[in-house]
Amino acid sequence: MDNHETLQSIEAVIEKNVRPQLQAHGGDVEVISYDEDGVCRIRLLGHCSGCPSAFITTEEIIRAEVIRELPQVKDVVLVQETSQELLDFARSLMKGGRHV
């Protein structure tokens, strides 16, 4: 299985086994990449993004499901970035504006 096929399989596992759990809490997950070392990089979205439990969610739910279904995946790594929405909100606060 090449990287593209593995990436599609990762997406399928997430869609079936992970996404419904995250969406039930107002969140979601985006697969960013899968490399030749077997590492899948993901980003949490919505309410899950920046959540204090993000690493636990990644480790206990996402990583476990993906590796269980796809043993060629060696690790699932959470990439944390500040969302554009949060940056815009912070800018509006700094300018004394109100966020709607």
Protein backbone atom coordinates (compact mmCIF):
# COMPACT_ATOMS: atom_id res chain seq x y z
CA MET A 1 0.00 0.00 0.00
CA ASP A 2 1.52 3.36 -1.00
CA ASN A 3 1.29 6.57 1.04
CA HIS A 4 -1.71 7.86 -0.92
CA GLU A 5 -3.66 4.65 -0.33
CA THR A 6 -2.70 4.65 3.34
CA LEU A 7 -3.84 8.26 3.65
CA GLN A 8 -7.20 7.30 2.14
CA SER A 9 -7.46 4.38 4.57
CA ILE A 10 -6.67 6.67 7.50
CA GLU A 11 -9.42 9.04 6.36
CA ALA A 12 -11.86 6.10 6.15
CA VAL A 13 -11.02 4.89 9.68
CA ILE A 14 -11.42 8.41 11.06
CA GLU A 15 -14.70 8.91 9.23
CA LYS A 16 -16.14 5.67 10.57
CA ASN A 17 -14.64 5.35 14.07
CA VAL A 18 -13.49 8.79 15.24
CA ARG A 19 -15.29 11.70 13.60
CA PRO A 20 -18.74 10.87 15.06
CA GLN A 21 -17.31 10.98 18.60
CA LEU A 22 -15.60 14.33 17.99
CA GLN A 23 -18.62 15.86 16.25
CA ALA A 24 -20.79 14.89 19.21
CA HIS A 25 -18.68 17.37 21.20
CA GLY A 26 -18.63 20.10 18.55
CA GLY A 27 -15.24 19.13 17.17
CA ASP A 28 -13.65 17.47 14.20
CA VAL A 29 -10.30 16.27 12.90
CA GLU A 30 -8.31 16.99 9.76
CA VAL A 31 -5.62 14.66 8.47
CA ILE A 32 -2.69 16.80 7.39
CA SER A 33 -0.21 14.22 6.16
CA TYR A 34 1.15 10.70 6.27
CA ASP A 35 4.85 10.17 5.65
CA GLU A 36 7.12 7.30 4.69
CA ASP A 37 8.12 6.78 8.35
CA GLY A 38 4.54 5.77 9.16
CA VAL A 39 3.65 9.01 10.97
CA CYS A 40 0.24 10.57 10.47
CA ARG A 41 -0.17 14.24 11.38
CA ILE A 42 -3.59 15.55 12.34
CA ARG A 43 -5.19 18.81 13.46
CA LEU A 44 -8.19 19.01 15.76
CA LEU A 45 -10.91 21.45 14.72
CA GLY A 46 -13.90 23.16 16.30
CA HIS A 47 -14.34 22.78 20.04
CA CYS A 48 -11.59 20.16 20.10
CA SER A 49 -9.00 22.64 18.82
CA GLY A 50 -7.01 23.99 21.73
CA CYS A 51 -8.94 21.89 24.24
CA PRO A 52 -6.89 20.92 27.30
CA SER A 53 -7.80 17.30 26.57
CA ALA A 54 -6.57 17.43 22.97
CA PHE A 55 -3.53 15.23 23.57
CA ILE A 56 -5.64 12.68 25.46
CA THR A 57 -8.20 12.70 22.64
CA THR A 58 -5.44 12.12 20.12
CA GLU A 59 -3.78 9.38 22.12
CA GLU A 60 -6.77 7.46 23.43
CA ILE A 61 -9.21 7.79 20.56
CA ILE A 62 -7.59 8.74 17.28
CA ARG A 63 -4.21 7.03 17.56
CA ALA A 64 -5.70 3.86 19.03
CA GLU A 65 -8.31 3.52 16.28
CA VAL A 66 -5.98 4.29 13.39
CA ILE A 67 -3.17 1.98 14.56
CA ARG A 68 -5.60 -0.81 15.41
CA GLU A 69 -7.05 -0.72 11.88
CA LEU A 70 -3.82 0.14 10.02
CA PRO A 71 -0.70 -1.41 11.59
CA GLN A 72 1.54 0.28 9.02
CA VAL A 73 0.78 3.57 10.81
CA LYS A 74 3.38 3.84 13.56
CA ASP A 75 2.19 7.05 15.21
CA VAL A 76 -0.47 9.76 15.06
CA VAL A 77 0.85 13.19 15.99
CA LEU A 78 -1.25 16.20 16.93
CA VAL A 79 -0.21 19.43 15.23
CA GLN A 80 -1.43 22.34 17.28
CA GLU A 81 -1.92 25.68 15.66
CA THR A 82 -3.89 28.73 16.61
CA SER A 83 -7.03 28.93 14.51
CA GLN A 84 -7.73 31.97 12.36
CA GLU A 85 -11.00 32.45 14.27
CA LEU A 86 -9.15 32.66 17.59
CA LEU A 87 -6.58 35.06 16.14
CA ASP A 88 -9.34 37.32 14.79
CA PHE A 89 -11.08 37.26 18.17
CA ALA A 90 -7.85 38.19 19.96
CA ARG A 91 -7.23 41.04 17.50
CA SER A 92 -10.71 42.41 18.08
CA LEU A 93 -10.14 42.33 21.84
CA MET A 94 -6.80 44.12 21.48
CA LYS A 95 -8.45 46.84 19.41
CA GLY A 96 -11.19 47.25 22.00
CA GLY A 97 -13.79 45.86 19.64
CA ARG A 98 -16.50 43.38 20.38
CA HIS A 99 -16.63 39.93 18.96
CA VAL A 100 -20.00 39.04 17.49
